[in-house]
Amino acid sequence: MFKTLNPITVTTTGSAGSATGTGTASDLPYNGRIARVVIDYHASAPATTDVSIIDQAGVTLWTKLNNEVDGTFYPAVLQDDGSGTPLTVNYIQPFVDGQKLNVSVAGSDALTGAVVVTITVEECD
């Protein structure tokens, strides 16, 4: 079953082109794969804006670098082999292991509502 989490709004503070901010999902923790990410950038967000989805353990699950154009994304990450080395061709959706999600923004300007991120998770038992 797919579950769209509440939007995460991130306000950034700091100098132009290097402002940062973090927002946390208000939803319960989920087990599942990130199926879709919708990013709505502030109209004044610079093209240097980086958006990362990070779990509560600090593991970066997915990043969209140097962008300020609203969009819908379907994240995929490289799988690892048995030794932990990333494979070069096998991609999977990032997995959320019973944790809330955080959104981190860097490289932006100081903006209220620099980005609004809406994440859809495919739930697993």
PDB file of N, CA and C in Angstrom:
ATOM      1  N   MET A   1       0.839  -1.159   0.000  1.00  0.00           N
ATOM      2  CA  MET A   1       0.000   0.000   0.000  1.00  0.00           C
ATOM      3  C   MET A   1       0.900   1.243   0.000  1.00  0.00           C
ATOM      4  N   PHE A   2       0.481   2.250  -0.733  1.00  0.00           N
ATOM      5  CA  PHE A   2       1.238   3.494  -0.788  1.00  0.00           C
ATOM      6  C   PHE A   2       0.660   4.493   0.211  1.00  0.00           C
ATOM      7  N   LYS A   3       1.562   5.228   0.872  1.00  0.00           N
ATOM      8  CA  LYS A   3       1.159   6.230   1.857  1.00  0.00           C
ATOM      9  C   LYS A   3       1.924   7.511   1.564  1.00  0.00           C
ATOM     10  N   THR A   4       1.189   8.602   1.308  1.00  0.00           N
ATOM     11  CA  THR A   4       1.825   9.904   1.106  1.00  0.00           C
ATOM     12  C   THR A   4       1.926  10.576   2.462  1.00  0.00           C
ATOM     13  N   LEU A   5       3.149  10.887   2.858  1.00  0.00           N
ATOM     14  CA  LEU A   5       3.407  11.509   4.156  1.00  0.00           C
ATOM     15  C   LEU A   5       3.040  12.989   4.106  1.00  0.00           C
ATOM     16  N   ASN A   6       2.839  13.579   5.270  1.00  0.00           N
ATOM     17  CA  ASN A   6       2.573  15.012   5.339  1.00  0.00           C
ATOM     18  C   ASN A   6       3.753  15.775   4.751  1.00  0.00           C
ATOM     19  N   PRO A   7       3.484  16.865   4.039  1.00  0.00           N
ATOM     20  CA  PRO A   7       4.584  17.652   3.463  1.00  0.00           C
ATOM     21  C   PRO A   7       5.552  18.137   4.548  1.00  0.00           C
ATOM     22  N   ILE A   8       6.823  18.187   4.197  1.00  0.00           N
ATOM     23  CA  ILE A   8       7.876  18.673   5.092  1.00  0.00           C
ATOM     24  C   ILE A   8       8.356  20.007   4.542  1.00  0.00           C
ATOM     25  N   THR A   9       8.151  21.070   5.303  1.00  0.00           N
ATOM     26  CA  THR A   9       8.586  22.404   4.891  1.00  0.00           C
ATOM     27  C   THR A   9       9.904  22.727   5.582  1.00  0.00           C
ATOM     28  N   VAL A  10      10.874  23.161   4.804  1.00  0.00           N
ATOM     29  CA  VAL A  10      12.192  23.492   5.350  1.00  0.00           C
ATOM     30  C   VAL A  10      12.468  24.979   5.130  1.00  0.00           C
ATOM     31  N   THR A  11      12.742  25.681   6.217  1.00  0.00           N
ATOM     32  CA  THR A  11      13.166  27.076   6.170  1.00  0.00           C
ATOM     33  C   THR A  11      14.673  27.115   6.344  1.00  0.00           C
ATOM     34  N   THR A  12      15.346  27.923   5.530  1.00  0.00           N
ATOM     35  CA  THR A  12      16.807  27.975   5.571  1.00  0.00           C
ATOM     36  C   THR A  12      17.280  29.302   6.162  1.00  0.00           C
ATOM     37  N   THR A  13      18.437  29.238   6.825  1.00  0.00           N
ATOM     38  CA  THR A  13      19.067  30.425   7.382  1.00  0.00           C
ATOM     39  C   THR A  13      20.533  30.424   6.988  1.00  0.00           C
ATOM     40  N   GLY A  14      21.099  31.616   6.888  1.00  0.00           N
ATOM     41  CA  GLY A  14      22.512  31.742   6.542  1.00  0.00           C
ATOM     42  C   GLY A  14      22.704  32.673   5.359  1.00  0.00           C
ATOM     43  N   SER A  15      23.884  32.646   4.815  1.00  0.00           N
ATOM     44  CA  SER A  15      24.264  33.524   3.715  1.00  0.00           C
ATOM     45  C   SER A  15      23.713  33.025   2.386  1.00  0.00           C
ATOM     46  N   ALA A  16      23.538  33.955   1.461  1.00  0.00           N
ATOM     47  CA  ALA A  16      23.048  33.622   0.127  1.00  0.00           C
ATOM     48  C   ALA A  16      23.952  32.578  -0.525  1.00  0.00           C
ATOM     49  N   GLY A  17      23.348  31.518  -1.037  1.00  0.00           N
ATOM     50  CA  GLY A  17      24.086  30.456  -1.703  1.00  0.00           C
ATOM     51  C   GLY A  17      24.660  29.418  -0.764  1.00  0.00           C
ATOM     52  N   SER A  18      24.575  29.659   0.547  1.00  0.00           N
ATOM     53  CA  SER A  18      25.092  28.661   1.493  1.00  0.00           C
ATOM     54  C   SER A  18      24.177  28.482   2.711  1.00  0.00           C
ATOM     55  N   ALA A  19      22.950  28.960   2.624  1.00  0.00           N
ATOM     56  CA  ALA A  19      22.002  28.801   3.731  1.00  0.00           C
ATOM     57  C   ALA A  19      21.578  27.338   3.840  1.00  0.00           C
ATOM     58  N   THR A  20      21.286  26.918   5.077  1.00  0.00           N
ATOM     59  CA  THR A  20      20.911  25.525   5.334  1.00  0.00           C
ATOM     60  C   THR A  20      19.673  25.461   6.215  1.00  0.00           C
ATOM     61  N   GLY A  21      19.050  24.292   6.235  1.00  0.00           N
ATOM     62  CA  GLY A  21      17.910  24.071   7.106  1.00  0.00           C
ATOM     63  C   GLY A  21      17.526  22.608   7.096  1.00  0.00           C
ATOM     64  N   THR A  22      16.735  22.197   8.098  1.00  0.00           N
ATOM     65  CA  THR A  22      16.295  20.813   8.218  1.00  0.00           C
ATOM     66  C   THR A  22      14.843  20.789   8.667  1.00  0.00           C
ATOM     67  N   GLY A  23      14.095  19.833   8.137  1.00  0.00           N
ATOM     68  CA  GLY A  23      12.718  19.612   8.559  1.00  0.00           C
ATOM     69  C   GLY A  23      12.503  18.143   8.824  1.00  0.00           C
ATOM     70  N   THR A  24      11.584  17.805   9.730  1.00  0.00           N
ATOM     71  CA  THR A  24      11.314  16.414  10.092  1.00  0.00           C
ATOM     72  C   THR A  24       9.866  16.078   9.796  1.00  0.00           C
ATOM     73  N   ALA A  25       9.645  14.882   9.267  1.00  0.00           N
ATOM     74  CA  ALA A  25       8.285  14.417   8.996  1.00  0.00           C
ATOM     75  C   ALA A  25       7.498  14.348  10.287  1.00  0.00           C
ATOM     76  N   SER A  26       6.247  14.775  10.226  1.00  0.00           N
ATOM     77  CA  SER A  26       5.395  14.718  11.418  1.00  0.00           C
ATOM     78  C   SER A  26       4.654  13.387  11.510  1.00  0.00           C
ATOM     79  N   ASP A  27       4.788  12.548  10.490  1.00  0.00           N
ATOM     80  CA  ASP A  27       4.105  11.258  10.458  1.00  0.00           C
ATOM     81  C   ASP A  27       4.802  10.251  11.360  1.00  0.00           C
ATOM     82  N   LEU A  28       4.095   9.162  11.634  1.00  0.00           N
ATOM     83  CA  LEU A  28       4.693   8.045  12.363  1.00  0.00           C
ATOM     84  C   LEU A  28       5.835   7.459  11.547  1.00  0.00           C
ATOM     85  N   PRO A  29       6.770   6.769  12.189  1.00  0.00           N
ATOM     86  CA  PRO A  29       7.814   6.073  11.435  1.00  0.00           C
ATOM     87  C   PRO A  29       7.201   5.026  10.509  1.00  0.00           C
ATOM     88  N   TYR A  30       7.864   4.776   9.403  1.00  0.00           N
ATOM     89  CA  TYR A  30       7.374   3.819   8.421  1.00  0.00           C
ATOM     90  C   TYR A  30       8.436   2.807   8.049  1.00  0.00           C
ATOM     91  N   ASN A  31       7.970   1.634   7.667  1.00  0.00           N
ATOM     92  CA  ASN A  31       8.809   0.626   7.031  1.00  0.00           C
ATOM     93  C   ASN A  31       8.385   0.571   5.579  1.00  0.00           C
ATOM     94  N   GLY A  32       9.321   0.735   4.676  1.00  0.00           N
ATOM     95  CA  GLY A  32       8.972   0.645   3.270  1.00  0.00           C
ATOM     96  C   GLY A  32       9.989   1.325   2.397  1.00  0.00           C
ATOM     97  N   ARG A  33       9.641   1.439   1.152  1.00  0.00           N
ATOM     98  CA  ARG A  33      10.528   2.043   0.159  1.00  0.00           C
ATOM     99  C   ARG A  33       9.993   3.412  -0.244  1.00  0.00           C
ATOM    100  N   ILE A  34      10.907   4.326  -0.486  1.00  0.00           N
ATOM    101  CA  ILE A  34      10.511   5.651  -0.963  1.00  0.00           C
ATOM    102  C   ILE A  34      10.149   5.501  -2.443  1.00  0.00           C
ATOM    103  N   ALA A  35       8.886   5.709  -2.748  1.00  0.00           N
ATOM    104  CA  ALA A  35       8.399   5.509  -4.112  1.00  0.00           C
ATOM    105  C   ALA A  35       8.439   6.797  -4.934  1.00  0.00           C
ATOM    106  N   ARG A  36       8.173   7.930  -4.281  1.00  0.00           N
ATOM    107  CA  ARG A  36       8.105   9.192  -5.025  1.00  0.00           C
ATOM    108  C   ARG A  36       8.437  10.348  -4.095  1.00  0.00           C
ATOM    109  N   VAL A  37       9.089  11.365  -4.651  1.00  0.00           N
ATOM    110  CA  VAL A  37       9.414  12.586  -3.916  1.00  0.00           C
ATOM    111  C   VAL A  37       8.981  13.765  -4.787  1.00  0.00           C
ATOM    112  N   VAL A  38       8.159  14.628  -4.216  1.00  0.00           N
ATOM    113  CA  VAL A  38       7.747  15.846  -4.907  1.00  0.00           C
ATOM    114  C   VAL A  38       8.415  17.008  -4.188  1.00  0.00           C
ATOM    115  N   ILE A  39       9.159  17.816  -4.930  1.00  0.00           N
ATOM    116  CA  ILE A  39       9.846  18.970  -4.344  1.00  0.00           C
ATOM    117  C   ILE A  39       9.270  20.242  -4.956  1.00  0.00           C
ATOM    118  N   ASP A  40       8.821  21.130  -4.070  1.00  0.00           N
ATOM    119  CA  ASP A  40       8.308  22.440  -4.471  1.00  0.00           C
ATOM    120  C   ASP A  40       9.266  23.480  -3.900  1.00  0.00           C
ATOM    121  N   TYR A  41      10.049  24.100  -4.780  1.00  0.00           N
ATOM    122  CA  TYR A  41      11.046  25.081  -4.362  1.00  0.00           C
ATOM    123  C   TYR A  41      10.414  26.470  -4.232  1.00  0.00           C
ATOM    124  N   HIS A  42      10.923  27.251  -3.286  1.00  0.00           N
ATOM    125  CA  HIS A  42      10.549  28.660  -3.157  1.00  0.00           C
ATOM    126  C   HIS A  42      10.900  29.350  -4.476  1.00  0.00           C
ATOM    127  N   ALA A  43      10.118  30.331  -4.874  1.00  0.00           N
ATOM    128  CA  ALA A  43      10.354  31.027  -6.145  1.00  0.00           C
ATOM    129  C   ALA A  43      11.732  31.684  -6.202  1.00  0.00           C
ATOM    130  N   SER A  44      12.324  32.000  -5.044  1.00  0.00           N
ATOM    131  CA  SER A  44      13.640  32.644  -5.011  1.00  0.00           C
ATOM    132  C   SER A  44      14.782  31.684  -4.699  1.00  0.00           C
ATOM    133  N   ALA A  45      14.516  30.386  -4.660  1.00  0.00           N
ATOM    134  CA  ALA A  45      15.594  29.418  -4.376  1.00  0.00           C
ATOM    135  C   ALA A  45      16.610  29.443  -5.510  1.00  0.00           C
ATOM    136  N   PRO A  46      17.903  29.468  -5.160  1.00  0.00           N
ATOM    137  CA  PRO A  46      18.925  29.485  -6.196  1.00  0.00           C
ATOM    138  C   PRO A  46      19.157  28.101  -6.803  1.00  0.00           C
ATOM    139  N   ALA A  47      19.785  28.069  -7.961  1.00  0.00           N
ATOM    140  CA  ALA A  47      20.084  26.806  -8.663  1.00  0.00           C
ATOM    141  C   ALA A  47      21.102  25.956  -7.921  1.00  0.00           C
ATOM    142  N   THR A  48      21.685  26.475  -6.850  1.00  0.00           N
ATOM    143  CA  THR A  48      22.671  25.724  -6.056  1.00  0.00           C
ATOM    144  C   THR A  48      22.022  24.944  -4.920  1.00  0.00           C
ATOM    145  N   THR A  49      20.703  24.937  -4.851  1.00  0.00           N
ATOM    146  CA  THR A  49      19.993  24.302  -3.733  1.00  0.00           C
ATOM    147  C   THR A  49      20.086  22.780  -3.811  1.00  0.00           C
ATOM    148  N   ASP A  50      20.519  22.166  -2.711  1.00  0.00           N
ATOM    149  CA  ASP A  50      20.604  20.702  -2.575  1.00  0.00           C
ATOM    150  C   ASP A  50      19.558  20.246  -1.563  1.00  0.00           C
ATOM    151  N   VAL A  51      18.837  19.172  -1.897  1.00  0.00           N
ATOM    152  CA  VAL A  51      17.811  18.613  -1.014  1.00  0.00           C
ATOM    153  C   VAL A  51      18.152  17.153  -0.759  1.00  0.00           C
ATOM    154  N   SER A  52      18.252  16.768   0.518  1.00  0.00           N
ATOM    155  CA  SER A  52      18.558  15.383   0.883  1.00  0.00           C
ATOM    156  C   SER A  52      17.488  14.828   1.804  1.00  0.00           C
ATOM    157  N   ILE A  53      17.152  13.557   1.610  1.00  0.00           N
ATOM    158  CA  ILE A  53      16.269  12.841   2.514  1.00  0.00           C
ATOM    159  C   ILE A  53      17.156  11.948   3.369  1.00  0.00           C
ATOM    160  N   ILE A  54      17.028  12.116   4.697  1.00  0.00           N
ATOM    161  CA  ILE A  54      17.918  11.451   5.643  1.00  0.00           C
ATOM    162  C   ILE A  54      17.068  10.763   6.701  1.00  0.00           C
ATOM    163  N   ASP A  55      17.448   9.529   7.094  1.00  0.00           N
ATOM    164  CA  ASP A  55      16.694   8.861   8.153  1.00  0.00           C
ATOM    165  C   ASP A  55      17.194   9.337   9.519  1.00  0.00           C
ATOM    166  N   GLN A  56      16.529   8.905  10.587  1.00  0.00           N
ATOM    167  CA  GLN A  56      16.876   9.362  11.938  1.00  0.00           C
ATOM    168  C   GLN A  56      18.250   8.895  12.391  1.00  0.00           C
ATOM    169  N   ALA A  57      18.782   7.859  11.749  1.00  0.00           N
ATOM    170  CA  ALA A  57      20.119   7.384  12.086  1.00  0.00           C
ATOM    171  C   ALA A  57      21.196   8.201  11.370  1.00  0.00           C
ATOM    172  N   GLY A  58      20.779   9.148  10.540  1.00  0.00           N
ATOM    173  CA  GLY A  58      21.728  10.000   9.829  1.00  0.00           C
ATOM    174  C   GLY A  58      22.164   9.460   8.481  1.00  0.00           C
ATOM    175  N   VAL A  59      21.499   8.416   7.994  1.00  0.00           N
ATOM    176  CA  VAL A  59      21.852   7.837   6.696  1.00  0.00           C
ATOM    177  C   VAL A  59      21.127   8.607   5.600  1.00  0.00           C
ATOM    178  N   THR A  60      21.899   9.110   4.639  1.00  0.00           N
ATOM    179  CA  THR A  60      21.303   9.807   3.503  1.00  0.00           C
ATOM    180  C   THR A  60      20.720   8.778   2.550  1.00  0.00           C
ATOM    181  N   LEU A  61      19.404   8.878   2.323  1.00  0.00           N
ATOM    182  CA  LEU A  61      18.704   7.923   1.474  1.00  0.00           C
ATOM    183  C   LEU A  61      18.653   8.371   0.018  1.00  0.00           C
ATOM    184  N   TRP A  62      18.609   9.696  -0.204  1.00  0.00           N
ATOM    185  CA  TRP A  62      18.523  10.223  -1.574  1.00  0.00           C
ATOM    186  C   TRP A  62      18.821  11.707  -1.555  1.00  0.00           C
ATOM    187  N   THR A  63      19.457  12.213  -2.616  1.00  0.00           N
ATOM    188  CA  THR A  63      19.792  13.631  -2.718  1.00  0.00           C
ATOM    189  C   THR A  63      19.519  14.143  -4.130  1.00  0.00           C
ATOM    190  N   LYS A  64      18.956  15.337  -4.207  1.00  0.00           N
ATOM    191  CA  LYS A  64      18.786  16.065  -5.474  1.00  0.00           C
ATOM    192  C   LYS A  64      19.694  17.281  -5.380  1.00  0.00           C
ATOM    193  N   LEU A  65      20.732  17.324  -6.217  1.00  0.00           N
ATOM    194  CA  LEU A  65      21.746  18.373  -6.148  1.00  0.00           C
ATOM    195  C   LEU A  65      21.484  19.502  -7.144  1.00  0.00           C
ATOM    196  N   ASN A  66      21.863  20.710  -6.744  1.00  0.00           N
ATOM    197  CA  ASN A  66      21.906  21.879  -7.618  1.00  0.00           C
ATOM    198  C   ASN A  66      20.662  22.025  -8.480  1.00  0.00           C
ATOM    199  N   ASN A  67      19.549  22.290  -7.811  1.00  0.00           N
ATOM    200  CA  ASN A  67      18.285  22.396  -8.532  1.00  0.00           C
ATOM    201  C   ASN A  67      17.398  23.428  -7.852  1.00  0.00           C
ATOM    202  N   GLU A  68      16.535  24.070  -8.630  1.00  0.00           N
ATOM    203  CA  GLU A  68      15.531  24.956  -8.063  1.00  0.00           C
ATOM    204  C   GLU A  68      14.226  24.866  -8.855  1.00  0.00           C
ATOM    205  N   VAL A  69      14.100  23.815  -9.647  1.00  0.00           N
ATOM    206  CA  VAL A  69      12.916  23.616 -10.472  1.00  0.00           C
ATOM    207  C   VAL A  69      12.012  22.572  -9.818  1.00  0.00           C
ATOM    208  N   ASP A  70      10.762  22.949  -9.557  1.00  0.00           N
ATOM    209  CA  ASP A  70       9.797  22.023  -8.968  1.00  0.00           C
ATOM    210  C   ASP A  70       9.739  20.743  -9.793  1.00  0.00           C
ATOM    211  N   GLY A  71       9.544  19.613  -9.110  1.00  0.00           N
ATOM    212  CA  GLY A  71       9.454  18.375  -9.859  1.00  0.00           C
ATOM    213  C   GLY A  71       9.034  17.191  -9.019  1.00  0.00           C
ATOM    214  N   THR A  72       8.726  16.115  -9.735  1.00  0.00           N
ATOM    215  CA  THR A  72       8.402  14.828  -9.133  1.00  0.00           C
ATOM    216  C   THR A  72       9.515  13.872  -9.498  1.00  0.00           C
ATOM    217  N   PHE A  73      10.048  13.185  -8.499  1.00  0.00           N
ATOM    218  CA  PHE A  73      11.206  12.315  -8.694  1.00  0.00           C
ATOM    219  C   PHE A  73      10.906  10.920  -8.151  1.00  0.00           C
ATOM    220  N   TYR A  74      11.502   9.927  -8.760  1.00  0.00           N
ATOM    221  CA  TYR A  74      11.332   8.528  -8.359  1.00  0.00           C
ATOM    222  C   TYR A  74      12.714   8.003  -7.980  1.00  0.00           C
ATOM    223  N   PRO A  75      13.116   8.184  -6.714  1.00  0.00           N
ATOM    224  CA  PRO A  75      14.472   7.891  -6.279  1.00  0.00           C
ATOM    225  C   PRO A  75      14.874   6.430  -6.465  1.00  0.00           C
ATOM    226  N   ALA A  76      16.133   6.246  -6.812  1.00  0.00           N
ATOM    227  CA  ALA A  76      16.732   4.915  -6.894  1.00  0.00           C
ATOM    228  C   ALA A  76      18.182   5.031  -6.461  1.00  0.00           C
ATOM    229  N   VAL A  77      18.652   4.011  -5.750  1.00  0.00           N
ATOM    230  CA  VAL A  77      20.034   3.980  -5.283  1.00  0.00           C
ATOM    231  C   VAL A  77      20.662   2.658  -5.709  1.00  0.00           C
ATOM    232  N   LEU A  78      21.981   2.660  -5.831  1.00  0.00           N
ATOM    233  CA  LEU A  78      22.689   1.437  -6.208  1.00  0.00           C
ATOM    234  C   LEU A  78      22.640   0.418  -5.081  1.00  0.00           C
ATOM    235  N   GLN A  79      22.415  -0.835  -5.448  1.00  0.00           N
ATOM    236  CA  GLN A  79      22.511  -1.922  -4.479  1.00  0.00           C
ATOM    237  C   GLN A  79      23.984  -2.212  -4.220  1.00  0.00           C
ATOM    238  N   ASP A  80      24.263  -2.861  -3.076  1.00  0.00           N
ATOM    239  CA  ASP A  80      25.620  -3.287  -2.749  1.00  0.00           C
ATOM    240  C   ASP A  80      25.742  -4.788  -2.970  1.00  0.00           C
ATOM    241  N   ASP A  81      26.980  -5.224  -3.232  1.00  0.00           N
ATOM    242  CA  ASP A  81      27.220  -6.675  -3.303  1.00  0.00           C
ATOM    243  C   ASP A  81      27.469  -7.196  -1.888  1.00  0.00           C
ATOM    244  N   GLY A  82      27.802  -8.464  -1.759  1.00  0.00           N
ATOM    245  CA  GLY A  82      28.001  -9.092  -0.457  1.00  0.00           C
ATOM    246  C   GLY A  82      29.092  -8.468   0.381  1.00  0.00           C
ATOM    247  N   SER A  83      30.040  -7.766  -0.247  1.00  0.00           N
ATOM    248  CA  SER A  83      31.130  -7.148   0.510  1.00  0.00           C
ATOM    249  C   SER A  83      30.842  -5.692   0.858  1.00  0.00           C
ATOM    250  N   GLY A  84      29.659  -5.191   0.440  1.00  0.00           N
ATOM    251  CA  GLY A  84      29.317  -3.801   0.719  1.00  0.00           C
ATOM    252  C   GLY A  84      29.748  -2.835  -0.360  1.00  0.00           C
ATOM    253  N   THR A  85      30.277  -3.351  -1.454  1.00  0.00           N
ATOM    254  CA  THR A  85      30.704  -2.510  -2.568  1.00  0.00           C
ATOM    255  C   THR A  85      29.499  -2.230  -3.474  1.00  0.00           C
ATOM    256  N   PRO A  86      29.265  -0.951  -3.816  1.00  0.00           N
ATOM    257  CA  PRO A  86      28.123  -0.649  -4.686  1.00  0.00           C
ATOM    258  C   PRO A  86      28.265  -1.320  -6.051  1.00  0.00           C
ATOM    259  N   LEU A  87      27.171  -1.919  -6.494  1.00  0.00           N
ATOM    260  CA  LEU A  87      27.127  -2.474  -7.843  1.00  0.00           C
ATOM    261  C   LEU A  87      27.013  -1.319  -8.830  1.00  0.00           C
ATOM    262  N   THR A  88      27.274  -1.569 -10.080  1.00  0.00           N
ATOM    263  CA  THR A  88      27.265  -0.471 -11.053  1.00  0.00           C
ATOM    264  C   THR A  88      25.983  -0.375 -11.858  1.00  0.00           C
ATOM    265  N   VAL A  89      25.114  -1.382 -11.782  1.00  0.00           N
ATOM    266  CA  VAL A  89      23.934  -1.355 -12.629  1.00  0.00           C
ATOM    267  C   VAL A  89      22.631  -1.714 -11.923  1.00  0.00           C
ATOM    268  N   ASN A  90      22.654  -2.192 -10.708  1.00  0.00           N
ATOM    269  CA  ASN A  90      21.436  -2.637 -10.029  1.00  0.00           C
ATOM    270  C   ASN A  90      20.924  -1.548  -9.090  1.00  0.00           C
ATOM    271  N   TYR A  91      19.795  -0.963  -9.448  1.00  0.00           N
ATOM    272  CA  TYR A  91      19.200   0.102  -8.646  1.00  0.00           C
ATOM    273  C   TYR A  91      17.944  -0.397  -7.943  1.00  0.00           C
ATOM    274  N   ILE A  92      17.702   0.139  -6.731  1.00  0.00           N
ATOM    275  CA  ILE A  92      16.483  -0.148  -5.981  1.00  0.00           C
ATOM    276  C   ILE A  92      15.995   1.161  -5.358  1.00  0.00           C
ATOM    277  N   GLN A  93      14.757   1.156  -4.903  1.00  0.00           N
ATOM    278  CA  GLN A  93      14.240   2.311  -4.188  1.00  0.00           C
ATOM    279  C   GLN A  93      14.843   2.330  -2.785  1.00  0.00           C
ATOM    280  N   PRO A  94      15.157   3.525  -2.256  1.00  0.00           N
ATOM    281  CA  PRO A  94      15.709   3.606  -0.897  1.00  0.00           C
ATOM    282  C   PRO A  94      14.718   3.052   0.129  1.00  0.00           C
ATOM    283  N   PHE A  95      15.240   2.338   1.126  1.00  0.00           N
ATOM    284  CA  PHE A  95      14.415   1.692   2.135  1.00  0.00           C
ATOM    285  C   PHE A  95      14.403   2.494   3.426  1.00  0.00           C
ATOM    286  N   VAL A  96      13.218   2.649   4.010  1.00  0.00           N
ATOM    287  CA  VAL A  96      13.026   3.302   5.301  1.00  0.00           C
ATOM    288  C   VAL A  96      12.775   2.200   6.319  1.00  0.00           C
ATOM    289  N   ASP A  97      13.625   2.114   7.328  1.00  0.00           N
ATOM    290  CA  ASP A  97      13.561   1.023   8.293  1.00  0.00           C
ATOM    291  C   ASP A  97      12.958   1.492   9.615  1.00  0.00           C
ATOM    292  N   GLY A  98      11.644   1.713   9.629  1.00  0.00           N
ATOM    293  CA  GLY A  98      10.950   2.068  10.866  1.00  0.00           C
ATOM    294  C   GLY A  98      11.371   3.384  11.470  1.00  0.00           C
ATOM    295  N   GLN A  99      11.672   4.367  10.639  1.00  0.00           N
ATOM    296  CA  GLN A  99      12.130   5.652  11.143  1.00  0.00           C
ATOM    297  C   GLN A  99      11.358   6.788  10.491  1.00  0.00           C
ATOM    298  N   LYS A 100      11.321   7.916  11.185  1.00  0.00           N
ATOM    299  CA  LYS A 100      10.811   9.135  10.567  1.00  0.00           C
ATOM    300  C   LYS A 100      11.867   9.640   9.595  1.00  0.00           C
ATOM    301  N   LEU A 101      11.440  10.470   8.667  1.00  0.00           N
ATOM    302  CA  LEU A 101      12.366  11.009   7.678  1.00  0.00           C
ATOM    303  C   LEU A 101      12.621  12.487   7.926  1.00  0.00           C
ATOM    304  N   ASN A 102      13.848  12.906   7.637  1.00  0.00           N
ATOM    305  CA  ASN A 102      14.244  14.306   7.716  1.00  0.00           C
ATOM    306  C   ASN A 102      14.586  14.783   6.316  1.00  0.00           C
ATOM    307  N   VAL A 103      14.368  16.067   6.077  1.00  0.00           N
ATOM    308  CA  VAL A 103      14.795  16.688   4.829  1.00  0.00           C
ATOM    309  C   VAL A 103      15.812  17.758   5.194  1.00  0.00           C
ATOM    310  N   SER A 104      16.970  17.685   4.567  1.00  0.00           N
ATOM    311  CA  SER A 104      18.043  18.644   4.792  1.00  0.00           C
ATOM    312  C   SER A 104      18.258  19.447   3.513  1.00  0.00           C
ATOM    313  N   VAL A 105      18.404  20.761   3.667  1.00  0.00           N
ATOM    314  CA  VAL A 105      18.630  21.645   2.525  1.00  0.00           C
ATOM    315  C   VAL A 105      19.942  22.379   2.744  1.00  0.00           C
ATOM    316  N   ALA A 106      20.728  22.473   1.686  1.00  0.00           N
ATOM    317  CA  ALA A 106      22.006  23.202   1.731  1.00  0.00           C
ATOM    318  C   ALA A 106      22.148  23.991   0.429  1.00  0.00           C
ATOM    319  N   GLY A 107      23.051  24.955   0.431  1.00  0.00           N
ATOM    320  CA  GLY A 107      23.356  25.713  -0.778  1.00  0.00           C
ATOM    321  C   GLY A 107      22.243  26.637  -1.230  1.00  0.00           C
ATOM    322  N   SER A 108      21.342  26.986  -0.321  1.00  0.00           N
ATOM    323  CA  SER A 108      20.210  27.833  -0.679  1.00  0.00           C
ATOM    324  C   SER A 108      20.464  29.266  -0.210  1.00  0.00           C
ATOM    325  N   ASP A 109      19.469  30.094  -0.377  1.00  0.00           N
ATOM    326  CA  ASP A 109      19.461  31.415   0.238  1.00  0.00           C
ATOM    327  C   ASP A 109      18.620  31.316   1.510  1.00  0.00           C
ATOM    328  N   ALA A 110      18.680  32.328   2.363  1.00  0.00           N
ATOM    329  CA  ALA A 110      17.861  32.334   3.574  1.00  0.00           C
ATOM    330  C   ALA A 110      16.410  32.592   3.166  1.00  0.00           C
ATOM    331  N   LEU A 111      15.577  31.546   3.266  1.00  0.00           N
ATOM    332  CA  LEU A 111      14.198  31.636   2.787  1.00  0.00           C
ATOM    333  C   LEU A 111      13.239  30.919   3.742  1.00  0.00           C
ATOM    334  N   THR A 112      12.121  31.529   4.013  1.00  0.00           N
ATOM    335  CA  THR A 112      11.053  30.853   4.738  1.00  0.00           C
ATOM    336  C   THR A 112      10.347  29.945   3.738  1.00  0.00           C
ATOM    337  N   GLY A 113      10.298  28.657   4.039  1.00  0.00           N
ATOM    338  CA  GLY A 113       9.717  27.707   3.093  1.00  0.00           C
ATOM    339  C   GLY A 113      10.579  27.552   1.849  1.00  0.00           C
ATOM    340  N   ALA A 114      11.885  27.392   2.049  1.00  0.00           N
ATOM    341  CA  ALA A 114      12.808  27.242   0.913  1.00  0.00           C
ATOM    342  C   ALA A 114      12.408  26.072   0.024  1.00  0.00           C
ATOM    343  N   VAL A 115      11.980  24.979   0.650  1.00  0.00           N
ATOM    344  CA  VAL A 115      11.444  23.839  -0.095  1.00  0.00           C
ATOM    345  C   VAL A 115      10.306  23.218   0.712  1.00  0.00           C
ATOM    346  N   VAL A 116       9.371  22.625  -0.017  1.00  0.00           N
ATOM    347  CA  VAL A 116       8.338  21.783   0.582  1.00  0.00           C
ATOM    348  C   VAL A 116       8.473  20.436  -0.110  1.00  0.00           C
ATOM    349  N   VAL A 117       8.720  19.389   0.683  1.00  0.00           N
ATOM    350  CA  VAL A 117       8.951  18.053   0.134  1.00  0.00           C
ATOM    351  C   VAL A 117       7.829  17.137   0.583  1.00  0.00           C
ATOM    352  N   THR A 118       7.232  16.441  -0.380  1.00  0.00           N
ATOM    353  CA  THR A 118       6.194  15.465  -0.089  1.00  0.00           C
ATOM    354  C   THR A 118       6.681  14.108  -0.554  1.00  0.00           C
ATOM    355  N   ILE A 119       6.731  13.150   0.381  1.00  0.00           N
ATOM    356  CA  ILE A 119       7.299  11.822   0.128  1.00  0.00           C
ATOM    357  C   ILE A 119       6.175  10.790   0.150  1.00  0.00           C
ATOM    358  N   THR A 120       6.177   9.909  -0.846  1.00  0.00           N
ATOM    359  CA  THR A 120       5.258   8.784  -0.865  1.00  0.00           C
ATOM    360  C   THR A 120       6.068   7.525  -0.609  1.00  0.00           C
ATOM    361  N   VAL A 121       5.616   6.727   0.372  1.00  0.00           N
ATOM    362  CA  VAL A 121       6.301   5.503   0.776  1.00  0.00           C
ATOM    363  C   VAL A 121       5.429   4.308   0.400  1.00  0.00           C
ATOM    364  N   GLU A 122       6.059   3.266  -0.161  1.00  0.00           N
ATOM    365  CA  GLU A 122       5.371   1.995  -0.356  1.00  0.00           C
ATOM    366  C   GLU A 122       5.608   1.165   0.896  1.00  0.00           C
ATOM    367  N   GLU A 123       4.557   1.001   1.689  1.00  0.00           N
ATOM    368  CA  GLU A 123       4.690   0.364   2.991  1.00  0.00           C
ATOM    369  C   GLU A 123       4.967  -1.136   2.885  1.00  0.00           C
ATOM    370  N   CYS A 124       5.812  -1.611   3.801  1.00  0.00           N
ATOM    371  CA  CYS A 124       6.117  -3.033   3.932  1.00  0.00           C
ATOM    372  C   CYS A 124       5.807  -3.445   5.360  1.00  0.00           C
ATOM    373  N   ASP A 125       5.496  -4.691   5.553  1.00  0.00           N
ATOM    374  CA  ASP A 125       5.252  -5.207   6.916  1.00  0.00           C
ATOM    375  C   ASP A 125       6.543  -5.652   7.555  1.00  0.00           C
TER     376      ASP A 125
END
